[in-house]
Amino acid sequence: MPNQKILALDNLSLQEMDPDSELIPLMTPEDEEEMNNEALPEDIAILRNTVLFPGVVIPITAGRDKSIKLINDANAKGKIIGVVAQIDENEEDPSPSDVHHIGTVARIMRVLKMPDGNTTVILQGKKRFEVESFTQEEPYLKAKIKEVSEERPDDKNVEFKTIVDAIKELAIQIIKESPNIPTEATFAIKNIESNPFLINFVSSNMNLSVEEKQQLLSIKNLKDRALETLRF
């Protein structure tokens, strides 16, 4: 994505990362349209880790052998995986019944080998999907998926615009009052042009539980999701 403003932020703590890493683009409406036109694979490897929102870039640390193999295999071919959250985060070897069936297709942007033996992968969310059926459990999960479409209000919807403006203003206010969040975060919020991406970016960065983020991800109507984001 050339000629874009780049802000490198960790998705949870909003701690500043290497500004030269070019990991986290502030998605424009044009980028979003291009992403929305991408076709989803019918069958995809499933990483059981966290709630990932479309457009958002996050680092994920993988320690399980199965997860590391999945990442290495996908990184060598295609760089596309599916990300879902576990229902019970403490389950060491979750089965298909232990994961949420609504997740997000992601593109692998970078894979980093850590000194402790773990692997950190930088992912960018693409589109939401729903698992239709699991097609493989070993050496890692694979599933047949279908796209989860998003119901969006008309561009001229005044109520939706008011909700989005309120989310932006409140997010900026929280950043200004939080000494642990760098001021660069305000730059990010102010420069997001895409309303869906703004909602996803704020949702990803809020200090919510996995279940609460999963609840947001699962809402199909964008205005309803914006209202719920504002409530949180």
C-alpha atoms as a PDB file:
ATOM      1  CA  MET A   1       0.000   0.000   0.000  1.00  0.00           C
ATOM      2  CA  PRO A   2       2.262   2.844  -1.223  1.00  0.00           C
ATOM      3  CA  ASN A   3       2.109   6.486  -0.150  1.00  0.00           C
ATOM      4  CA  GLN A   4       0.099   5.778   2.969  1.00  0.00           C
ATOM      5  CA  LYS A   5       0.457   7.239   6.419  1.00  0.00           C
ATOM      6  CA  ILE A   6       1.886   4.479   8.594  1.00  0.00           C
ATOM      7  CA  LEU A   7       1.476   4.180  12.344  1.00  0.00           C
ATOM      8  CA  ALA A   8       2.949   1.192  14.134  1.00  0.00           C
ATOM      9  CA  LEU A   9       0.842   0.271  17.145  1.00  0.00           C
ATOM     10  CA  ASP A  10       0.416  -2.801  19.268  1.00  0.00           C
ATOM     11  CA  ASN A  11      -3.262  -3.703  19.182  1.00  0.00           C
ATOM     12  CA  LEU A  12      -3.837  -3.985  22.915  1.00  0.00           C
ATOM     13  CA  SER A  13      -1.423  -1.678  24.725  1.00  0.00           C
ATOM     14  CA  LEU A  14      -1.037   0.822  21.877  1.00  0.00           C
ATOM     15  CA  GLN A  15       2.681   0.794  22.635  1.00  0.00           C
ATOM     16  CA  GLU A  16       4.860   2.309  19.960  1.00  0.00           C
ATOM     17  CA  MET A  17       6.692  -0.158  17.734  1.00  0.00           C
ATOM     18  CA  ASP A  18       9.450   0.419  15.179  1.00  0.00           C
ATOM     19  CA  PRO A  19       8.234   3.301  12.965  1.00  0.00           C
ATOM     20  CA  ASP A  20      10.230   1.892  10.040  1.00  0.00           C
ATOM     21  CA  SER A  21       8.516  -1.481  10.202  1.00  0.00           C
ATOM     22  CA  GLU A  22       5.596  -0.379   7.971  1.00  0.00           C
ATOM     23  CA  LEU A  23       3.368  -2.959   9.575  1.00  0.00           C
ATOM     24  CA  ILE A  24       0.165  -1.085  10.266  1.00  0.00           C
ATOM     25  CA  PRO A  25      -1.393   0.936   7.458  1.00  0.00           C
ATOM     26  CA  LEU A  26      -4.228   3.325   8.185  1.00  0.00           C
ATOM     27  CA  MET A  27      -6.712   1.837   5.785  1.00  0.00           C
ATOM     28  CA  THR A  28      -8.331   4.143   3.253  1.00  0.00           C
ATOM     29  CA  PRO A  29     -11.780   3.575   1.698  1.00  0.00           C
ATOM     30  CA  GLU A  30      -9.984   2.526  -1.513  1.00  0.00           C
ATOM     31  CA  ASP A  31      -7.955  -0.076   0.376  1.00  0.00           C
ATOM     32  CA  GLU A  32     -11.133  -1.299   2.011  1.00  0.00           C
ATOM     33  CA  GLU A  33     -12.930  -1.635  -1.322  1.00  0.00           C
ATOM     34  CA  GLU A  34     -10.019  -3.639  -2.722  1.00  0.00           C
ATOM     35  CA  MET A  35     -10.061  -5.880   0.353  1.00  0.00           C
ATOM     36  CA  ASN A  36     -13.825  -6.391   0.103  1.00  0.00           C
ATOM     37  CA  ASN A  37     -13.484  -7.512  -3.510  1.00  0.00           C
ATOM     38  CA  GLU A  38     -11.043 -10.281  -2.631  1.00  0.00           C
ATOM     39  CA  ALA A  39     -12.480 -13.785  -2.821  1.00  0.00           C
ATOM     40  CA  LEU A  40     -12.215 -16.055   0.191  1.00  0.00           C
ATOM     41  CA  PRO A  41     -10.704 -19.535  -0.110  1.00  0.00           C
ATOM     42  CA  GLU A  42     -13.183 -22.371   0.292  1.00  0.00           C
ATOM     43  CA  ASP A  43     -10.887 -24.363   2.570  1.00  0.00           C
ATOM     44  CA  ILE A  44      -8.461 -22.728   4.987  1.00  0.00           C
ATOM     45  CA  ALA A  45      -6.092 -23.530   7.859  1.00  0.00           C
ATOM     46  CA  ILE A  46      -7.479 -22.273  11.173  1.00  0.00           C
ATOM     47  CA  LEU A  47      -5.316 -20.616  13.833  1.00  0.00           C
ATOM     48  CA  ARG A  48      -6.977 -20.837  17.240  1.00  0.00           C
ATOM     49  CA  ASN A  49      -5.800 -17.759  19.061  1.00  0.00           C
ATOM     50  CA  THR A  50      -7.711 -14.496  19.329  1.00  0.00           C
ATOM     51  CA  VAL A  51     -10.397 -12.185  17.955  1.00  0.00           C
ATOM     52  CA  LEU A  52      -9.111 -10.422  14.843  1.00  0.00           C
ATOM     53  CA  PHE A  53     -11.060  -7.612  13.180  1.00  0.00           C
ATOM     54  CA  PRO A  54     -11.029  -6.886   9.419  1.00  0.00           C
ATOM     55  CA  GLY A  55      -8.388  -4.384   8.359  1.00  0.00           C
ATOM     56  CA  VAL A  56      -6.620  -4.413  11.719  1.00  0.00           C
ATOM     57  CA  VAL A  57      -3.000  -5.535  12.041  1.00  0.00           C
ATOM     58  CA  ILE A  58      -1.990  -7.423  15.180  1.00  0.00           C
ATOM     59  CA  PRO A  59       0.949  -9.500  16.434  1.00  0.00           C
ATOM     60  CA  ILE A  60       0.120 -13.032  17.584  1.00  0.00           C
ATOM     61  CA  THR A  61       2.536 -15.229  19.505  1.00  0.00           C
ATOM     62  CA  ALA A  62       2.310 -18.941  18.766  1.00  0.00           C
ATOM     63  CA  GLY A  63       3.883 -21.442  21.135  1.00  0.00           C
ATOM     64  CA  ARG A  64       2.115 -24.693  20.258  1.00  0.00           C
ATOM     65  CA  ASP A  65       3.862 -26.939  17.760  1.00  0.00           C
ATOM     66  CA  LYS A  66       0.641 -27.196  15.736  1.00  0.00           C
ATOM     67  CA  SER A  67       0.296 -23.419  15.504  1.00  0.00           C
ATOM     68  CA  ILE A  68       3.926 -22.924  14.527  1.00  0.00           C
ATOM     69  CA  LYS A  69       3.647 -25.563  11.794  1.00  0.00           C
ATOM     70  CA  LEU A  70       0.449 -23.941  10.509  1.00  0.00           C
ATOM     71  CA  ILE A  71       2.120 -20.522  10.333  1.00  0.00           C
ATOM     72  CA  ASN A  72       5.238 -21.879   8.634  1.00  0.00           C
ATOM     73  CA  ASP A  73       3.191 -23.854   6.088  1.00  0.00           C
ATOM     74  CA  ALA A  74       0.936 -20.887   5.297  1.00  0.00           C
ATOM     75  CA  ASN A  75       3.835 -18.454   5.128  1.00  0.00           C
ATOM     76  CA  ALA A  76       5.545 -20.666   2.559  1.00  0.00           C
ATOM     77  CA  LYS A  77       2.442 -20.896   0.408  1.00  0.00           C
ATOM     78  CA  GLY A  78      -0.315 -18.315   0.018  1.00  0.00           C
ATOM     79  CA  LYS A  79       0.132 -16.486   3.343  1.00  0.00           C
ATOM     80  CA  ILE A  80      -3.623 -16.702   4.021  1.00  0.00           C
ATOM     81  CA  ILE A  81      -5.076 -18.274   7.178  1.00  0.00           C
ATOM     82  CA  GLY A  82      -8.267 -18.120   9.216  1.00  0.00           C
ATOM     83  CA  VAL A  83      -8.191 -16.806  12.789  1.00  0.00           C
ATOM     84  CA  VAL A  84     -10.755 -17.783  15.412  1.00  0.00           C
ATOM     85  CA  ALA A  85     -10.901 -17.360  19.174  1.00  0.00           C
ATOM     86  CA  GLN A  86     -11.116 -20.228  21.630  1.00  0.00           C
ATOM     87  CA  ILE A  87     -14.212 -20.514  23.782  1.00  0.00           C
ATOM     88  CA  ASP A  88     -12.024 -21.500  26.748  1.00  0.00           C
ATOM     89  CA  GLU A  89      -8.673 -19.716  26.578  1.00  0.00           C
ATOM     90  CA  ASN A  90      -7.136 -22.206  29.023  1.00  0.00           C
ATOM     91  CA  GLU A  91      -7.746 -25.234  26.772  1.00  0.00           C
ATOM     92  CA  GLU A  92      -4.280 -26.392  25.664  1.00  0.00           C
ATOM     93  CA  ASP A  93      -5.375 -28.492  22.691  1.00  0.00           C
ATOM     94  CA  PRO A  94      -8.767 -27.198  21.553  1.00  0.00           C
ATOM     95  CA  SER A  95     -10.952 -29.306  19.274  1.00  0.00           C
ATOM     96  CA  PRO A  96     -13.428 -27.917  16.705  1.00  0.00           C
ATOM     97  CA  SER A  97     -16.078 -27.729  19.424  1.00  0.00           C
ATOM     98  CA  ASP A  98     -13.780 -25.557  21.559  1.00  0.00           C
ATOM     99  CA  VAL A  99     -13.524 -22.621  19.132  1.00  0.00           C
ATOM    100  CA  HIS A 100     -15.888 -19.932  17.915  1.00  0.00           C
ATOM    101  CA  HIS A 101     -17.172 -20.506  14.389  1.00  0.00           C
ATOM    102  CA  ILE A 102     -17.083 -16.862  13.320  1.00  0.00           C
ATOM    103  CA  GLY A 103     -13.587 -15.538  12.662  1.00  0.00           C
ATOM    104  CA  THR A 104     -11.550 -13.473  10.226  1.00  0.00           C
ATOM    105  CA  VAL A 105      -9.435 -14.419   7.238  1.00  0.00           C
ATOM    106  CA  ALA A 106      -5.959 -12.939   7.644  1.00  0.00           C
ATOM    107  CA  ARG A 107      -2.881 -12.298   5.546  1.00  0.00           C
ATOM    108  CA  ILE A 108       0.525 -13.073   7.034  1.00  0.00           C
ATOM    109  CA  MET A 109       2.631  -9.920   6.820  1.00  0.00           C
ATOM    110  CA  ARG A 110       5.692 -11.084   8.727  1.00  0.00           C
ATOM    111  CA  VAL A 111       6.914 -14.066  10.772  1.00  0.00           C
ATOM    112  CA  LEU A 112       9.426 -13.505  13.569  1.00  0.00           C
ATOM    113  CA  LYS A 113      11.315 -16.277  15.363  1.00  0.00           C
ATOM    114  CA  MET A 114      11.695 -15.385  19.032  1.00  0.00           C
ATOM    115  CA  PRO A 115      14.623 -16.329  21.316  1.00  0.00           C
ATOM    116  CA  ASP A 116      12.309 -18.318  23.622  1.00  0.00           C
ATOM    117  CA  GLY A 117      11.350 -20.658  20.785  1.00  0.00           C
ATOM    118  CA  ASN A 118       7.960 -19.103  20.161  1.00  0.00           C
ATOM    119  CA  THR A 119       6.928 -17.614  16.828  1.00  0.00           C
ATOM    120  CA  THR A 120       5.348 -14.177  16.501  1.00  0.00           C
ATOM    121  CA  VAL A 121       3.319 -13.598  13.364  1.00  0.00           C
ATOM    122  CA  ILE A 122       2.069 -10.198  12.192  1.00  0.00           C
ATOM    123  CA  LEU A 123      -1.398 -10.567  10.686  1.00  0.00           C
ATOM    124  CA  GLN A 124      -3.794  -8.237   8.911  1.00  0.00           C
ATOM    125  CA  GLY A 125      -7.465  -9.091   9.088  1.00  0.00           C
ATOM    126  CA  LYS A 126      -9.324  -9.314   5.771  1.00  0.00           C
ATOM    127  CA  LYS A 127     -12.913 -10.570   5.858  1.00  0.00           C
ATOM    128  CA  ARG A 128     -15.133 -12.223   8.411  1.00  0.00           C
ATOM    129  CA  PHE A 129     -16.082 -15.835   7.827  1.00  0.00           C
ATOM    130  CA  GLU A 130     -18.213 -18.575   9.332  1.00  0.00           C
ATOM    131  CA  VAL A 131     -17.038 -22.171   9.584  1.00  0.00           C
ATOM    132  CA  GLU A 132     -19.338 -24.489   7.643  1.00  0.00           C
ATOM    133  CA  SER A 133     -17.479 -27.659   8.551  1.00  0.00           C
ATOM    134  CA  PHE A 134     -14.066 -28.749   9.735  1.00  0.00           C
ATOM    135  CA  THR A 135     -12.205 -30.800   7.146  1.00  0.00           C
ATOM    136  CA  GLN A 136      -9.014 -31.609   9.081  1.00  0.00           C
ATOM    137  CA  GLU A 137      -7.820 -31.789  12.697  1.00  0.00           C
ATOM    138  CA  GLU A 138      -4.197 -32.919  12.293  1.00  0.00           C
ATOM    139  CA  PRO A 139      -1.568 -31.567  12.205  1.00  0.00           C
ATOM    140  CA  TYR A 140      -3.769 -28.471  12.591  1.00  0.00           C
ATOM    141  CA  LEU A 141      -7.369 -27.505  11.962  1.00  0.00           C
ATOM    142  CA  LYS A 142      -8.649 -26.781   8.472  1.00  0.00           C
ATOM    143  CA  ALA A 143     -12.199 -25.794   7.643  1.00  0.00           C
ATOM    144  CA  LYS A 144     -14.609 -25.127   4.831  1.00  0.00           C
ATOM    145  CA  ILE A 145     -15.772 -21.525   5.260  1.00  0.00           C
ATOM    146  CA  LYS A 146     -18.238 -19.007   3.890  1.00  0.00           C
ATOM    147  CA  GLU A 147     -18.112 -15.225   3.973  1.00  0.00           C
ATOM    148  CA  VAL A 148     -20.104 -13.342   6.616  1.00  0.00           C
ATOM    149  CA  SER A 149     -21.591 -10.377   4.791  1.00  0.00           C
ATOM    150  CA  GLU A 150     -21.877  -6.993   6.502  1.00  0.00           C
ATOM    151  CA  GLU A 151     -25.072  -4.955   6.432  1.00  0.00           C
ATOM    152  CA  ARG A 152     -24.052  -1.317   6.030  1.00  0.00           C
ATOM    153  CA  PRO A 153     -26.176   1.827   6.368  1.00  0.00           C
ATOM    154  CA  ASP A 154     -26.464   4.307   3.519  1.00  0.00           C
ATOM    155  CA  ASP A 155     -23.610   6.800   3.234  1.00  0.00           C
ATOM    156  CA  LYS A 156     -26.032   9.607   4.018  1.00  0.00           C
ATOM    157  CA  ASN A 157     -27.388   7.972   7.197  1.00  0.00           C
ATOM    158  CA  VAL A 158     -27.197  10.807   9.744  1.00  0.00           C
ATOM    159  CA  GLU A 159     -27.631   8.574  12.795  1.00  0.00           C
ATOM    160  CA  PHE A 160     -24.748   6.322  11.737  1.00  0.00           C
ATOM    161  CA  LYS A 161     -22.476   9.324  11.105  1.00  0.00           C
ATOM    162  CA  THR A 162     -23.336  10.685  14.550  1.00  0.00           C
ATOM    163  CA  ILE A 163     -22.456   7.352  16.186  1.00  0.00           C
ATOM    164  CA  VAL A 164     -19.130   7.156  14.330  1.00  0.00           C
ATOM    165  CA  ASP A 165     -18.252  10.748  15.271  1.00  0.00           C
ATOM    166  CA  ALA A 166     -19.045   9.949  18.915  1.00  0.00           C
ATOM    167  CA  ILE A 167     -16.781   6.869  18.817  1.00  0.00           C
ATOM    168  CA  LYS A 168     -13.939   8.946  17.365  1.00  0.00           C
ATOM    169  CA  GLU A 169     -14.357  11.787  19.875  1.00  0.00           C
ATOM    170  CA  LEU A 170     -14.578   9.443  22.864  1.00  0.00           C
ATOM    171  CA  ALA A 171     -11.562   7.426  21.723  1.00  0.00           C
ATOM    172  CA  ILE A 172      -9.480  10.614  21.397  1.00  0.00           C
ATOM    173  CA  GLN A 173     -10.638  11.774  24.836  1.00  0.00           C
ATOM    174  CA  ILE A 174      -9.626   8.439  26.398  1.00  0.00           C
ATOM    175  CA  ILE A 175      -6.198   8.604  24.733  1.00  0.00           C
ATOM    176  CA  LYS A 176      -5.592  12.143  26.013  1.00  0.00           C
ATOM    177  CA  GLU A 177      -6.505  11.115  29.571  1.00  0.00           C
ATOM    178  CA  SER A 178      -4.410   7.910  29.540  1.00  0.00           C
ATOM    179  CA  PRO A 179      -0.708   8.560  30.261  1.00  0.00           C
ATOM    180  CA  ASN A 180       0.280   5.056  29.115  1.00  0.00           C
ATOM    181  CA  ILE A 181      -1.090   5.513  25.601  1.00  0.00           C
ATOM    182  CA  PRO A 182       1.227   7.396  23.212  1.00  0.00           C
ATOM    183  CA  THR A 183      -0.051  10.546  21.520  1.00  0.00           C
ATOM    184  CA  GLU A 184       0.503   8.826  18.154  1.00  0.00           C
ATOM    185  CA  ALA A 185      -2.737   6.973  18.822  1.00  0.00           C
ATOM    186  CA  THR A 186      -4.643  10.249  18.432  1.00  0.00           C
ATOM    187  CA  PHE A 187      -3.014  10.664  15.025  1.00  0.00           C
ATOM    188  CA  ALA A 188      -4.268   7.205  14.055  1.00  0.00           C
ATOM    189  CA  ILE A 189      -7.857   7.857  15.103  1.00  0.00           C
ATOM    190  CA  LYS A 190      -8.024  11.266  13.412  1.00  0.00           C
ATOM    191  CA  ASN A 191      -6.619   9.964  10.121  1.00  0.00           C
ATOM    192  CA  ILE A 192      -8.836   6.921   9.656  1.00  0.00           C
ATOM    193  CA  GLU A 193     -11.089   7.686   6.680  1.00  0.00           C
ATOM    194  CA  SER A 194     -13.057   4.434   6.567  1.00  0.00           C
ATOM    195  CA  ASN A 195     -15.937   4.216   9.045  1.00  0.00           C
ATOM    196  CA  PRO A 196     -15.938   0.387   9.189  1.00  0.00           C
ATOM    197  CA  PHE A 197     -12.181   0.381   9.787  1.00  0.00           C
ATOM    198  CA  LEU A 198     -12.515   3.019  12.523  1.00  0.00           C
ATOM    199  CA  ILE A 199     -15.066   0.833  14.298  1.00  0.00           C
ATOM    200  CA  ASN A 200     -12.849  -2.240  13.898  1.00  0.00           C
ATOM    201  CA  PHE A 201      -9.694  -0.391  14.986  1.00  0.00           C
ATOM    202  CA  VAL A 202     -11.328   0.965  18.153  1.00  0.00           C
ATOM    203  CA  SER A 203     -12.948  -2.412  18.911  1.00  0.00           C
ATOM    204  CA  SER A 204      -9.601  -4.168  18.570  1.00  0.00           C
ATOM    205  CA  ASN A 205      -7.830  -1.718  20.874  1.00  0.00           C
ATOM    206  CA  MET A 206     -10.402  -1.600  23.667  1.00  0.00           C
ATOM    207  CA  ASN A 207      -9.604  -3.408  26.884  1.00  0.00           C
ATOM    208  CA  LEU A 208     -12.341  -6.025  26.462  1.00  0.00           C
ATOM    209  CA  SER A 209     -12.543  -9.735  27.169  1.00  0.00           C
ATOM    210  CA  VAL A 210     -12.284 -12.231  24.320  1.00  0.00           C
ATOM    211  CA  GLU A 211     -16.008 -12.953  24.641  1.00  0.00           C
ATOM    212  CA  GLU A 212     -16.888  -9.252  24.397  1.00  0.00           C
ATOM    213  CA  LYS A 213     -14.727  -8.809  21.305  1.00  0.00           C
ATOM    214  CA  GLN A 214     -16.245 -11.952  19.808  1.00  0.00           C
ATOM    215  CA  GLN A 215     -19.669 -10.469  20.466  1.00  0.00           C
ATOM    216  CA  LEU A 216     -18.704  -7.349  18.494  1.00  0.00           C
ATOM    217  CA  LEU A 217     -17.176  -9.339  15.639  1.00  0.00           C
ATOM    218  CA  SER A 218     -20.338 -11.426  15.297  1.00  0.00           C
ATOM    219  CA  ILE A 219     -22.714  -8.463  14.793  1.00  0.00           C
ATOM    220  CA  LYS A 220     -23.561  -8.362  11.084  1.00  0.00           C
ATOM    221  CA  ASN A 221     -25.182  -4.920  10.968  1.00  0.00           C
ATOM    222  CA  LEU A 222     -22.492  -2.224  10.983  1.00  0.00           C
ATOM    223  CA  LYS A 223     -24.651   0.422  12.665  1.00  0.00           C
ATOM    224  CA  ASP A 224     -25.606  -2.020  15.431  1.00  0.00           C
ATOM    225  CA  ARG A 225     -21.914  -2.905  15.848  1.00  0.00           C
ATOM    226  CA  ALA A 226     -21.029   0.774  16.020  1.00  0.00           C
ATOM    227  CA  LEU A 227     -23.631   1.315  18.751  1.00  0.00           C
ATOM    228  CA  GLU A 228     -22.296  -1.649  20.730  1.00  0.00           C
ATOM    229  CA  THR A 229     -18.728  -0.370  20.298  1.00  0.00           C
ATOM    230  CA  LEU A 230     -19.820   3.018  21.626  1.00  0.00           C
ATOM    231  CA  ARG A 231     -21.552   1.334  24.584  1.00  0.00           C
ATOM    232  CA  PHE A 232     -18.358  -0.534  25.491  1.00  0.00           C
END
